[in-house]
């Protein structure tokens, strides 16, 4: 998937989007984890 690949090959906006998704606090909040799980795939599909 795009978010697995080398982020340096992404454009600046795409990198910022993935960085924001990675920053979602998921350690103890399963709802945040679900939000991160789905949004990462949705936005990955968009850039594809």
ModelCIF file with pLDDT and N, C-alpha, C, O atoms, coordinates in Angstrom:
data_MODEL
#
_entry.id   MODEL 
#
_entity.id                         1 
_entity.type                       polymer 
_entity.pdbx_number_of_molecules   1 
#
_entity_poly.entity_id                      1 
_entity_poly.type                           'polypeptide(L)' 
_entity_poly.nstd_linkage                   no 
_entity_poly.nstd_monomer                   no 
_entity_poly.pdbx_seq_one_letter_code       
;(UNK)(UNK)(UNK)(UNK)(UNK)(UNK)(UNK)(UNK)(UNK)(UNK)(UNK)(UNK)(UNK)(UNK)(UNK)(UNK)
(UNK)(UNK)(UNK)(UNK)(UNK)(UNK)(UNK)(UNK)(UNK)(UNK)(UNK)(UNK)(UNK)(UNK)(UNK)(UNK)
(UNK)(UNK)(UNK)(UNK)(UNK)(UNK)(UNK)(UNK)(UNK)(UNK)(UNK)(UNK)(UNK)(UNK)(UNK)(UNK)
;
_entity_poly.pdbx_seq_one_letter_code_can   XXXXXXXXXXXXXXXXXXXXXXXXXXXXXXXXXXXXXXXXXXXXXXXX 
_entity_poly.pdbx_strand_id                 A 
#
loop_
_entity_poly_seq.entity_id 
_entity_poly_seq.num 
_entity_poly_seq.mon_id 
_entity_poly_seq.hetero 
1 1  UNK n 
1 2  UNK n 
1 3  UNK n 
1 4  UNK n 
1 5  UNK n 
1 6  UNK n 
1 7  UNK n 
1 8  UNK n 
1 9  UNK n 
1 10 UNK n 
1 11 UNK n 
1 12 UNK n 
1 13 UNK n 
1 14 UNK n 
1 15 UNK n 
1 16 UNK n 
1 17 UNK n 
1 18 UNK n 
1 19 UNK n 
1 20 UNK n 
1 21 UNK n 
1 22 UNK n 
1 23 UNK n 
1 24 UNK n 
1 25 UNK n 
1 26 UNK n 
1 27 UNK n 
1 28 UNK n 
1 29 UNK n 
1 30 UNK n 
1 31 UNK n 
1 32 UNK n 
1 33 UNK n 
1 34 UNK n 
1 35 UNK n 
1 36 UNK n 
1 37 UNK n 
1 38 UNK n 
1 39 UNK n 
1 40 UNK n 
1 41 UNK n 
1 42 UNK n 
1 43 UNK n 
1 44 UNK n 
1 45 UNK n 
1 46 UNK n 
1 47 UNK n 
1 48 UNK n 
#
_struct_asym.id          A 
_struct_asym.entity_id   1 
#
loop_
_ma_qa_metric.id 
_ma_qa_metric.mode 
_ma_qa_metric.name 
_ma_qa_metric.software_group_id 
_ma_qa_metric.type 
1 global pLDDT . pLDDT 
2 local  pLDDT . pLDDT 
#
_ma_qa_metric_global.metric_id      1 
_ma_qa_metric_global.metric_value   89.79 
_ma_qa_metric_global.model_id       1 
_ma_qa_metric_global.ordinal_id     1 
#
loop_
_ma_qa_metric_local.label_asym_id 
_ma_qa_metric_local.label_comp_id 
_ma_qa_metric_local.label_seq_id 
_ma_qa_metric_local.metric_id 
_ma_qa_metric_local.metric_value 
_ma_qa_metric_local.model_id 
_ma_qa_metric_local.ordinal_id 
A UNK 1  2 86.00 1 1  
A UNK 2  2 85.00 1 2  
A UNK 3  2 87.00 1 3  
A UNK 4  2 84.00 1 4  
A UNK 5  2 83.00 1 5  
A UNK 6  2 80.00 1 6  
A UNK 7  2 81.00 1 7  
A UNK 8  2 80.00 1 8  
A UNK 9  2 81.00 1 9  
A UNK 10 2 85.00 1 10 
A UNK 11 2 87.00 1 11 
A UNK 12 2 90.00 1 12 
A UNK 13 2 92.00 1 13 
A UNK 14 2 91.00 1 14 
A UNK 15 2 90.00 1 15 
A UNK 16 2 92.00 1 16 
A UNK 17 2 92.00 1 17 
A UNK 18 2 91.00 1 18 
A UNK 19 2 90.00 1 19 
A UNK 20 2 92.00 1 20 
A UNK 21 2 92.00 1 21 
A UNK 22 2 89.00 1 22 
A UNK 23 2 89.00 1 23 
A UNK 24 2 89.00 1 24 
A UNK 25 2 90.00 1 25 
A UNK 26 2 85.00 1 26 
A UNK 27 2 81.00 1 27 
A UNK 28 2 80.00 1 28 
A UNK 29 2 88.00 1 29 
A UNK 30 2 92.00 1 30 
A UNK 31 2 92.00 1 31 
A UNK 32 2 93.00 1 32 
A UNK 33 2 94.00 1 33 
A UNK 34 2 94.00 1 34 
A UNK 35 2 94.00 1 35 
A UNK 36 2 94.00 1 36 
A UNK 37 2 95.00 1 37 
A UNK 38 2 96.00 1 38 
A UNK 39 2 96.00 1 39 
A UNK 40 2 94.00 1 40 
A UNK 41 2 95.00 1 41 
A UNK 42 2 96.00 1 42 
A UNK 43 2 95.00 1 43 
A UNK 44 2 94.00 1 44 
A UNK 45 2 95.00 1 45 
A UNK 46 2 95.00 1 46 
A UNK 47 2 93.00 1 47 
A UNK 48 2 91.00 1 48 
#
loop_
_atom_site.group_PDB 
_atom_site.id 
_atom_site.type_symbol 
_atom_site.label_atom_id 
_atom_site.label_alt_id 
_atom_site.label_comp_id 
_atom_site.label_asym_id 
_atom_site.label_entity_id 
_atom_site.label_seq_id 
_atom_site.pdbx_PDB_ins_code 
_atom_site.Cartn_x 
_atom_site.Cartn_y 
_atom_site.Cartn_z 
_atom_site.occupancy 
_atom_site.B_iso_or_equiv 
_atom_site.pdbx_formal_charge 
_atom_site.auth_seq_id 
_atom_site.auth_comp_id 
_atom_site.auth_asym_id 
_atom_site.auth_atom_id 
_atom_site.pdbx_PDB_model_num 
ATOM 1   N N  . UNK A 1 1  ? 0.837   -1.191 0.000  1.00 86.00 ? 1  UNK A N  1 
ATOM 2   C CA . UNK A 1 1  ? 0.000   0.000  0.000  1.00 86.00 ? 1  UNK A CA 1 
ATOM 3   C C  . UNK A 1 1  ? 0.874   1.243  0.000  1.00 86.00 ? 1  UNK A C  1 
ATOM 4   O O  . UNK A 1 1  ? 2.062   1.168  0.312  1.00 86.00 ? 1  UNK A O  1 
ATOM 5   N N  . UNK A 1 2  ? 0.304   2.368  -0.342 1.00 85.00 ? 2  UNK A N  1 
ATOM 6   C CA . UNK A 1 2  ? 1.090   3.595  -0.429 1.00 85.00 ? 2  UNK A CA 1 
ATOM 7   C C  . UNK A 1 2  ? 1.710   3.948  0.929  1.00 85.00 ? 2  UNK A C  1 
ATOM 8   O O  . UNK A 1 2  ? 2.864   4.373  0.994  1.00 85.00 ? 2  UNK A O  1 
ATOM 9   N N  . UNK A 1 3  ? 0.937   3.769  2.021  1.00 87.00 ? 3  UNK A N  1 
ATOM 10  C CA . UNK A 1 3  ? 1.459   4.191  3.321  1.00 87.00 ? 3  UNK A CA 1 
ATOM 11  C C  . UNK A 1 3  ? 2.550   3.259  3.847  1.00 87.00 ? 3  UNK A C  1 
ATOM 12  O O  . UNK A 1 3  ? 3.189   3.556  4.857  1.00 87.00 ? 3  UNK A O  1 
ATOM 13  N N  . UNK A 1 4  ? 2.766   2.123  3.156  1.00 84.00 ? 4  UNK A N  1 
ATOM 14  C CA . UNK A 1 4  ? 3.873   1.244  3.519  1.00 84.00 ? 4  UNK A CA 1 
ATOM 15  C C  . UNK A 1 4  ? 5.167   1.634  2.804  1.00 84.00 ? 4  UNK A C  1 
ATOM 16  O O  . UNK A 1 4  ? 6.258   1.269  3.242  1.00 84.00 ? 4  UNK A O  1 
ATOM 17  N N  . UNK A 1 5  ? 5.043   2.366  1.721  1.00 83.00 ? 5  UNK A N  1 
ATOM 18  C CA . UNK A 1 5  ? 6.205   2.646  0.885  1.00 83.00 ? 5  UNK A CA 1 
ATOM 19  C C  . UNK A 1 5  ? 7.008   3.825  1.441  1.00 83.00 ? 5  UNK A C  1 
ATOM 20  O O  . UNK A 1 5  ? 6.587   4.496  2.383  1.00 83.00 ? 5  UNK A O  1 
ATOM 21  N N  . UNK A 1 6  ? 8.133   4.051  0.853  1.00 80.00 ? 6  UNK A N  1 
ATOM 22  C CA . UNK A 1 6  ? 9.039   5.119  1.267  1.00 80.00 ? 6  UNK A CA 1 
ATOM 23  C C  . UNK A 1 6  ? 8.327   6.465  1.195  1.00 80.00 ? 6  UNK A C  1 
ATOM 24  O O  . UNK A 1 6  ? 7.968   6.926  0.111  1.00 80.00 ? 6  UNK A O  1 
ATOM 25  N N  . UNK A 1 7  ? 8.123   7.096  2.355  1.00 81.00 ? 7  UNK A N  1 
ATOM 26  C CA . UNK A 1 7  ? 7.356   8.344  2.401  1.00 81.00 ? 7  UNK A CA 1 
ATOM 27  C C  . UNK A 1 7  ? 8.063   9.488  1.674  1.00 81.00 ? 7  UNK A C  1 
ATOM 28  O O  . UNK A 1 7  ? 7.421   10.463 1.285  1.00 81.00 ? 7  UNK A O  1 
ATOM 29  N N  . UNK A 1 8  ? 9.359   9.377  1.490  1.00 80.00 ? 8  UNK A N  1 
ATOM 30  C CA . UNK A 1 8  ? 10.079  10.460 0.809  1.00 80.00 ? 8  UNK A CA 1 
ATOM 31  C C  . UNK A 1 8  ? 9.685   10.560 -0.661 1.00 80.00 ? 8  UNK A C  1 
ATOM 32  O O  . UNK A 1 8  ? 9.933   11.576 -1.309 1.00 80.00 ? 8  UNK A O  1 
ATOM 33  N N  . UNK A 1 9  ? 9.064   9.492  -1.186 1.00 81.00 ? 9  UNK A N  1 
ATOM 34  C CA . UNK A 1 9  ? 8.629   9.521  -2.586 1.00 81.00 ? 9  UNK A CA 1 
ATOM 35  C C  . UNK A 1 9  ? 7.236   10.122 -2.737 1.00 81.00 ? 9  UNK A C  1 
ATOM 36  O O  . UNK A 1 9  ? 6.770   10.330 -3.857 1.00 81.00 ? 9  UNK A O  1 
ATOM 37  N N  . UNK A 1 10 ? 6.563   10.406 -1.609 1.00 85.00 ? 10 UNK A N  1 
ATOM 38  C CA . UNK A 1 10 ? 5.225   11.015 -1.652 1.00 85.00 ? 10 UNK A CA 1 
ATOM 39  C C  . UNK A 1 10 ? 5.343   12.530 -1.786 1.00 85.00 ? 10 UNK A C  1 
ATOM 40  O O  . UNK A 1 10 ? 6.379   13.116 -1.471 1.00 85.00 ? 10 UNK A O  1 
ATOM 41  N N  . UNK A 1 11 ? 4.274   13.149 -2.253 1.00 87.00 ? 11 UNK A N  1 
ATOM 42  C CA . UNK A 1 11 ? 4.279   14.605 -2.272 1.00 87.00 ? 11 UNK A CA 1 
ATOM 43  C C  . UNK A 1 11 ? 4.072   15.132 -0.849 1.00 87.00 ? 11 UNK A C  1 
ATOM 44  O O  . UNK A 1 11 ? 3.685   14.385 0.050  1.00 87.00 ? 11 UNK A O  1 
ATOM 45  N N  . UNK A 1 12 ? 4.330   16.409 -0.662 1.00 90.00 ? 12 UNK A N  1 
ATOM 46  C CA . UNK A 1 12 ? 4.328   17.004 0.675  1.00 90.00 ? 12 UNK A CA 1 
ATOM 47  C C  . UNK A 1 12 ? 2.958   16.866 1.366  1.00 90.00 ? 12 UNK A C  1 
ATOM 48  O O  . UNK A 1 12 ? 2.892   16.569 2.559  1.00 90.00 ? 12 UNK A O  1 
ATOM 49  N N  . UNK A 1 13 ? 1.894   17.077 0.629  1.00 92.00 ? 13 UNK A N  1 
ATOM 50  C CA . UNK A 1 13 ? 0.557   17.001 1.236  1.00 92.00 ? 13 UNK A CA 1 
ATOM 51  C C  . UNK A 1 13 ? 0.243   15.568 1.665  1.00 92.00 ? 13 UNK A C  1 
ATOM 52  O O  . UNK A 1 13 ? -0.300  15.347 2.748  1.00 92.00 ? 13 UNK A O  1 
ATOM 53  N N  . UNK A 1 14 ? 0.581   14.599 0.821  1.00 91.00 ? 14 UNK A N  1 
ATOM 54  C CA . UNK A 1 14 ? 0.321   13.196 1.161  1.00 91.00 ? 14 UNK A CA 1 
ATOM 55  C C  . UNK A 1 14 ? 1.098   12.801 2.421  1.00 91.00 ? 14 UNK A C  1 
ATOM 56  O O  . UNK A 1 14 ? 0.578   12.086 3.276  1.00 91.00 ? 14 UNK A O  1 
ATOM 57  N N  . UNK A 1 15 ? 2.340   13.269 2.530  1.00 90.00 ? 15 UNK A N  1 
ATOM 58  C CA . UNK A 1 15 ? 3.146   12.952 3.722  1.00 90.00 ? 15 UNK A CA 1 
ATOM 59  C C  . UNK A 1 15 ? 2.502   13.540 4.970  1.00 90.00 ? 15 UNK A C  1 
ATOM 60  O O  . UNK A 1 15 ? 2.444   12.883 6.010  1.00 90.00 ? 15 UNK A O  1 
ATOM 61  N N  . UNK A 1 16 ? 2.014   14.783 4.872  1.00 92.00 ? 16 UNK A N  1 
ATOM 62  C CA . UNK A 1 16 ? 1.379   15.415 6.030  1.00 92.00 ? 16 UNK A CA 1 
ATOM 63  C C  . UNK A 1 16 ? 0.103   14.675 6.443  1.00 92.00 ? 16 UNK A C  1 
ATOM 64  O O  . UNK A 1 16 ? -0.201  14.559 7.631  1.00 92.00 ? 16 UNK A O  1 
ATOM 65  N N  . UNK A 1 17 ? -0.639  14.179 5.451  1.00 92.00 ? 17 UNK A N  1 
ATOM 66  C CA . UNK A 1 17 ? -1.854  13.413 5.759  1.00 92.00 ? 17 UNK A CA 1 
ATOM 67  C C  . UNK A 1 17 ? -1.504  12.150 6.529  1.00 92.00 ? 17 UNK A C  1 
ATOM 68  O O  . UNK A 1 17 ? -2.126  11.854 7.549  1.00 92.00 ? 17 UNK A O  1 
ATOM 69  N N  . UNK A 1 18 ? -0.505  11.394 6.045  1.00 91.00 ? 18 UNK A N  1 
ATOM 70  C CA . UNK A 1 18 ? -0.109  10.158 6.729  1.00 91.00 ? 18 UNK A CA 1 
ATOM 71  C C  . UNK A 1 18 ? 0.475   10.463 8.114  1.00 91.00 ? 18 UNK A C  1 
ATOM 72  O O  . UNK A 1 18 ? 0.238   9.721  9.067  1.00 91.00 ? 18 UNK A O  1 
ATOM 73  N N  . UNK A 1 19 ? 1.233   11.551 8.219  1.00 90.00 ? 19 UNK A N  1 
ATOM 74  C CA . UNK A 1 19 ? 1.799   11.915 9.524  1.00 90.00 ? 19 UNK A CA 1 
ATOM 75  C C  . UNK A 1 19 ? 0.697   12.209 10.530 1.00 90.00 ? 19 UNK A C  1 
ATOM 76  O O  . UNK A 1 19 ? 0.800   11.827 11.695 1.00 90.00 ? 19 UNK A O  1 
ATOM 77  N N  . UNK A 1 20 ? -0.374  12.897 10.078 1.00 92.00 ? 20 UNK A N  1 
ATOM 78  C CA . UNK A 1 20 ? -1.472  13.190 10.993 1.00 92.00 ? 20 UNK A CA 1 
ATOM 79  C C  . UNK A 1 20 ? -2.173  11.902 11.435 1.00 92.00 ? 20 UNK A C  1 
ATOM 80  O O  . UNK A 1 20 ? -2.533  11.754 12.603 1.00 92.00 ? 20 UNK A O  1 
ATOM 81  N N  . UNK A 1 21 ? -2.363  10.971 10.491 1.00 92.00 ? 21 UNK A N  1 
ATOM 82  C CA . UNK A 1 21 ? -3.000  9.704  10.848 1.00 92.00 ? 21 UNK A CA 1 
ATOM 83  C C  . UNK A 1 21 ? -2.140  8.908  11.819 1.00 92.00 ? 21 UNK A C  1 
ATOM 84  O O  . UNK A 1 21 ? -2.657  8.291  12.751 1.00 92.00 ? 21 UNK A O  1 
ATOM 85  N N  . UNK A 1 22 ? -0.837  8.921  11.604 1.00 89.00 ? 22 UNK A N  1 
ATOM 86  C CA . UNK A 1 22 ? 0.073   8.207  12.506 1.00 89.00 ? 22 UNK A CA 1 
ATOM 87  C C  . UNK A 1 22 ? 0.064   8.810  13.909 1.00 89.00 ? 22 UNK A C  1 
ATOM 88  O O  . UNK A 1 22 ? 0.359   8.122  14.886 1.00 89.00 ? 22 UNK A O  1 
ATOM 89  N N  . UNK A 1 23 ? -0.274  10.090 14.006 1.00 89.00 ? 23 UNK A N  1 
ATOM 90  C CA . UNK A 1 23 ? -0.211  10.779 15.305 1.00 89.00 ? 23 UNK A CA 1 
ATOM 91  C C  . UNK A 1 23 ? -1.467  10.574 16.153 1.00 89.00 ? 23 UNK A C  1 
ATOM 92  O O  . UNK A 1 23 ? -1.515  11.031 17.294 1.00 89.00 ? 23 UNK A O  1 
ATOM 93  N N  . UNK A 1 24 ? -2.484  9.893  15.613 1.00 89.00 ? 24 UNK A N  1 
ATOM 94  C CA . UNK A 1 24 ? -3.699  9.639  16.389 1.00 89.00 ? 24 UNK A CA 1 
ATOM 95  C C  . UNK A 1 24 ? -3.353  8.764  17.592 1.00 89.00 ? 24 UNK A C  1 
ATOM 96  O O  . UNK A 1 24 ? -2.771  7.695  17.411 1.00 89.00 ? 24 UNK A O  1 
ATOM 97  N N  . UNK A 1 25 ? -3.693  9.185  18.828 1.00 90.00 ? 25 UNK A N  1 
ATOM 98  C CA . UNK A 1 25 ? -3.349  8.393  20.015 1.00 90.00 ? 25 UNK A CA 1 
ATOM 99  C C  . UNK A 1 25 ? -4.200  7.128  20.085 1.00 90.00 ? 25 UNK A C  1 
ATOM 100 O O  . UNK A 1 25 ? -5.410  7.202  20.301 1.00 90.00 ? 25 UNK A O  1 
ATOM 101 N N  . UNK A 1 26 ? -3.574  5.974  19.904 1.00 85.00 ? 26 UNK A N  1 
ATOM 102 C CA . UNK A 1 26 ? -4.340  4.719  19.793 1.00 85.00 ? 26 UNK A CA 1 
ATOM 103 C C  . UNK A 1 26 ? -4.006  3.715  20.885 1.00 85.00 ? 26 UNK A C  1 
ATOM 104 O O  . UNK A 1 26 ? -4.599  2.637  20.930 1.00 85.00 ? 26 UNK A O  1 
ATOM 105 N N  . UNK A 1 27 ? -3.066  4.048  21.766 1.00 81.00 ? 27 UNK A N  1 
ATOM 106 C CA . UNK A 1 27 ? -2.590  3.043  22.717 1.00 81.00 ? 27 UNK A CA 1 
ATOM 107 C C  . UNK A 1 27 ? -3.698  2.427  23.556 1.00 81.00 ? 27 UNK A C  1 
ATOM 108 O O  . UNK A 1 27 ? -3.749  1.208  23.719 1.00 81.00 ? 27 UNK A O  1 
ATOM 109 N N  . UNK A 1 28 ? -4.595  3.269  24.094 1.00 80.00 ? 28 UNK A N  1 
ATOM 110 C CA . UNK A 1 28 ? -5.624  2.744  24.993 1.00 80.00 ? 28 UNK A CA 1 
ATOM 111 C C  . UNK A 1 28 ? -7.041  2.981  24.483 1.00 80.00 ? 28 UNK A C  1 
ATOM 112 O O  . UNK A 1 28 ? -8.004  2.540  25.111 1.00 80.00 ? 28 UNK A O  1 
ATOM 113 N N  . UNK A 1 29 ? -7.178  3.652  23.383 1.00 88.00 ? 29 UNK A N  1 
ATOM 114 C CA . UNK A 1 29 ? -8.503  4.014  22.873 1.00 88.00 ? 29 UNK A CA 1 
ATOM 115 C C  . UNK A 1 29 ? -8.786  3.232  21.594 1.00 88.00 ? 29 UNK A C  1 
ATOM 116 O O  . UNK A 1 29 ? -8.256  3.556  20.532 1.00 88.00 ? 29 UNK A O  1 
ATOM 117 N N  . UNK A 1 30 ? -9.630  2.194  21.701 1.00 92.00 ? 30 UNK A N  1 
ATOM 118 C CA . UNK A 1 30 ? -9.906  1.343  20.537 1.00 92.00 ? 30 UNK A CA 1 
ATOM 119 C C  . UNK A 1 30 ? -10.693 2.100  19.474 1.00 92.00 ? 30 UNK A C  1 
ATOM 120 O O  . UNK A 1 30 ? -10.610 1.773  18.290 1.00 92.00 ? 30 UNK A O  1 
ATOM 121 N N  . UNK A 1 31 ? -11.465 3.123  19.896 1.00 92.00 ? 31 UNK A N  1 
ATOM 122 C CA . UNK A 1 31 ? -12.193 3.919  18.916 1.00 92.00 ? 31 UNK A CA 1 
ATOM 123 C C  . UNK A 1 31 ? -11.223 4.720  18.045 1.00 92.00 ? 31 UNK A C  1 
ATOM 124 O O  . UNK A 1 31 ? -11.405 4.814  16.831 1.00 92.00 ? 31 UNK A O  1 
ATOM 125 N N  . UNK A 1 32 ? -10.200 5.292  18.663 1.00 93.00 ? 32 UNK A N  1 
ATOM 126 C CA . UNK A 1 32 ? -9.169  5.990  17.890 1.00 93.00 ? 32 UNK A CA 1 
ATOM 127 C C  . UNK A 1 32 ? -8.418  5.033  16.980 1.00 93.00 ? 32 UNK A C  1 
ATOM 128 O O  . UNK A 1 32 ? -8.050  5.380  15.858 1.00 93.00 ? 32 UNK A O  1 
ATOM 129 N N  . UNK A 1 33 ? -8.192  3.810  17.484 1.00 94.00 ? 33 UNK A N  1 
ATOM 130 C CA . UNK A 1 33 ? -7.504  2.811  16.662 1.00 94.00 ? 33 UNK A CA 1 
ATOM 131 C C  . UNK A 1 33 ? -8.330  2.469  15.429 1.00 94.00 ? 33 UNK A C  1 
ATOM 132 O O  . UNK A 1 33 ? -7.788  2.342  14.330 1.00 94.00 ? 33 UNK A O  1 
ATOM 133 N N  . UNK A 1 34 ? -9.647  2.319  15.609 1.00 94.00 ? 34 UNK A N  1 
ATOM 134 C CA . UNK A 1 34 ? -10.523 2.045  14.467 1.00 94.00 ? 34 UNK A CA 1 
ATOM 135 C C  . UNK A 1 34 ? -10.522 3.213  13.485 1.00 94.00 ? 34 UNK A C  1 
ATOM 136 O O  . UNK A 1 34 ? -10.485 3.020  12.270 1.00 94.00 ? 34 UNK A O  1 
ATOM 137 N N  . UNK A 1 35 ? -10.563 4.420  14.028 1.00 94.00 ? 35 UNK A N  1 
ATOM 138 C CA . UNK A 1 35 ? -10.522 5.616  13.181 1.00 94.00 ? 35 UNK A CA 1 
ATOM 139 C C  . UNK A 1 35 ? -9.243  5.641  12.347 1.00 94.00 ? 35 UNK A C  1 
ATOM 140 O O  . UNK A 1 35 ? -9.278  5.920  11.149 1.00 94.00 ? 35 UNK A O  1 
ATOM 141 N N  . UNK A 1 36 ? -8.127  5.349  12.987 1.00 94.00 ? 36 UNK A N  1 
ATOM 142 C CA . UNK A 1 36 ? -6.852  5.329  12.263 1.00 94.00 ? 36 UNK A CA 1 
ATOM 143 C C  . UNK A 1 36 ? -6.835  4.212  11.221 1.00 94.00 ? 36 UNK A C  1 
ATOM 144 O O  . UNK A 1 36 ? -6.372  4.414  10.098 1.00 94.00 ? 36 UNK A O  1 
ATOM 145 N N  . UNK A 1 37 ? -7.341  3.029  11.596 1.00 95.00 ? 37 UNK A N  1 
ATOM 146 C CA . UNK A 1 37 ? -7.329  1.874  10.692 1.00 95.00 ? 37 UNK A CA 1 
ATOM 147 C C  . UNK A 1 37 ? -8.083  2.170  9.403  1.00 95.00 ? 37 UNK A C  1 
ATOM 148 O O  . UNK A 1 37 ? -7.570  1.936  8.309  1.00 95.00 ? 37 UNK A O  1 
ATOM 149 N N  . UNK A 1 38 ? -9.305  2.687  9.537  1.00 96.00 ? 38 UNK A N  1 
ATOM 150 C CA . UNK A 1 38 ? -10.144 2.913  8.356  1.00 96.00 ? 38 UNK A CA 1 
ATOM 151 C C  . UNK A 1 38 ? -9.692  4.130  7.555  1.00 96.00 ? 38 UNK A C  1 
ATOM 152 O O  . UNK A 1 38 ? -9.617  4.063  6.328  1.00 96.00 ? 38 UNK A O  1 
ATOM 153 N N  . UNK A 1 39 ? -9.390  5.238  8.224  1.00 96.00 ? 39 UNK A N  1 
ATOM 154 C CA . UNK A 1 39 ? -9.018  6.451  7.494  1.00 96.00 ? 39 UNK A CA 1 
ATOM 155 C C  . UNK A 1 39 ? -7.717  6.271  6.727  1.00 96.00 ? 39 UNK A C  1 
ATOM 156 O O  . UNK A 1 39 ? -7.555  6.817  5.636  1.00 96.00 ? 39 UNK A O  1 
ATOM 157 N N  . UNK A 1 40 ? -6.791  5.508  7.292  1.00 94.00 ? 40 UNK A N  1 
ATOM 158 C CA . UNK A 1 40 ? -5.535  5.268  6.586  1.00 94.00 ? 40 UNK A CA 1 
ATOM 159 C C  . UNK A 1 40 ? -5.802  4.570  5.260  1.00 94.00 ? 40 UNK A C  1 
ATOM 160 O O  . UNK A 1 40 ? -5.223  4.929  4.234  1.00 94.00 ? 40 UNK A O  1 
ATOM 161 N N  . UNK A 1 41 ? -6.692  3.558  5.285  1.00 95.00 ? 41 UNK A N  1 
ATOM 162 C CA . UNK A 1 41 ? -6.980  2.833  4.035  1.00 95.00 ? 41 UNK A CA 1 
ATOM 163 C C  . UNK A 1 41 ? -7.800  3.687  3.077  1.00 95.00 ? 41 UNK A C  1 
ATOM 164 O O  . UNK A 1 41 ? -7.580  3.635  1.867  1.00 95.00 ? 41 UNK A O  1 
ATOM 165 N N  . UNK A 1 42 ? -8.738  4.470  3.594  1.00 96.00 ? 42 UNK A N  1 
ATOM 166 C CA . UNK A 1 42 ? -9.569  5.318  2.733  1.00 96.00 ? 42 UNK A CA 1 
ATOM 167 C C  . UNK A 1 42 ? -8.706  6.344  1.999  1.00 96.00 ? 42 UNK A C  1 
ATOM 168 O O  . UNK A 1 42 ? -8.842  6.521  0.788  1.00 96.00 ? 42 UNK A O  1 
ATOM 169 N N  . UNK A 1 43 ? -7.818  7.018  2.735  1.00 95.00 ? 43 UNK A N  1 
ATOM 170 C CA . UNK A 1 43 ? -6.976  8.046  2.119  1.00 95.00 ? 43 UNK A CA 1 
ATOM 171 C C  . UNK A 1 43 ? -5.924  7.439  1.210  1.00 95.00 ? 43 UNK A C  1 
ATOM 172 O O  . UNK A 1 43 ? -5.534  8.043  0.211  1.00 95.00 ? 43 UNK A O  1 
ATOM 173 N N  . UNK A 1 44 ? -5.466  6.247  1.555  1.00 94.00 ? 44 UNK A N  1 
ATOM 174 C CA . UNK A 1 44 ? -4.539  5.525  0.678  1.00 94.00 ? 44 UNK A CA 1 
ATOM 175 C C  . UNK A 1 44 ? -5.213  5.248  -0.666 1.00 94.00 ? 44 UNK A C  1 
ATOM 176 O O  . UNK A 1 44 ? -4.605  5.420  -1.722 1.00 94.00 ? 44 UNK A O  1 
ATOM 177 N N  . UNK A 1 45 ? -6.491  4.814  -0.614 1.00 95.00 ? 45 UNK A N  1 
ATOM 178 C CA . UNK A 1 45 ? -7.243  4.552  -1.847 1.00 95.00 ? 45 UNK A CA 1 
ATOM 179 C C  . UNK A 1 45 ? -7.445  5.841  -2.643 1.00 95.00 ? 45 UNK A C  1 
ATOM 180 O O  . UNK A 1 45 ? -7.401  5.828  -3.874 1.00 95.00 ? 45 UNK A O  1 
ATOM 181 N N  . UNK A 1 46 ? -7.666  6.958  -1.937 1.00 95.00 ? 46 UNK A N  1 
ATOM 182 C CA . UNK A 1 46 ? -7.869  8.231  -2.639 1.00 95.00 ? 46 UNK A CA 1 
ATOM 183 C C  . UNK A 1 46 ? -6.634  8.616  -3.454 1.00 95.00 ? 46 UNK A C  1 
ATOM 184 O O  . UNK A 1 46 ? -6.749  8.942  -4.635 1.00 95.00 ? 46 UNK A O  1 
ATOM 185 N N  . UNK A 1 47 ? -5.468  8.580  -2.835 1.00 93.00 ? 47 UNK A N  1 
ATOM 186 C CA . UNK A 1 47 ? -4.262  8.984  -3.563 1.00 93.00 ? 47 UNK A CA 1 
ATOM 187 C C  . UNK A 1 47 ? -3.929  8.007  -4.692 1.00 93.00 ? 47 UNK A C  1 
ATOM 188 O O  . UNK A 1 47 ? -3.356  8.404  -5.707 1.00 93.00 ? 47 UNK A O  1 
ATOM 189 N N  . UNK A 1 48 ? -4.285  6.732  -4.519 1.00 91.00 ? 48 UNK A N  1 
ATOM 190 C CA . UNK A 1 48 ? -4.139  5.781  -5.624 1.00 91.00 ? 48 UNK A CA 1 
ATOM 191 C C  . UNK A 1 48 ? -5.050  6.165  -6.782 1.00 91.00 ? 48 UNK A C  1 
ATOM 192 O O  . UNK A 1 48 ? -5.067  5.481  -7.806 1.00 91.00 ? 48 UNK A O  1 
#
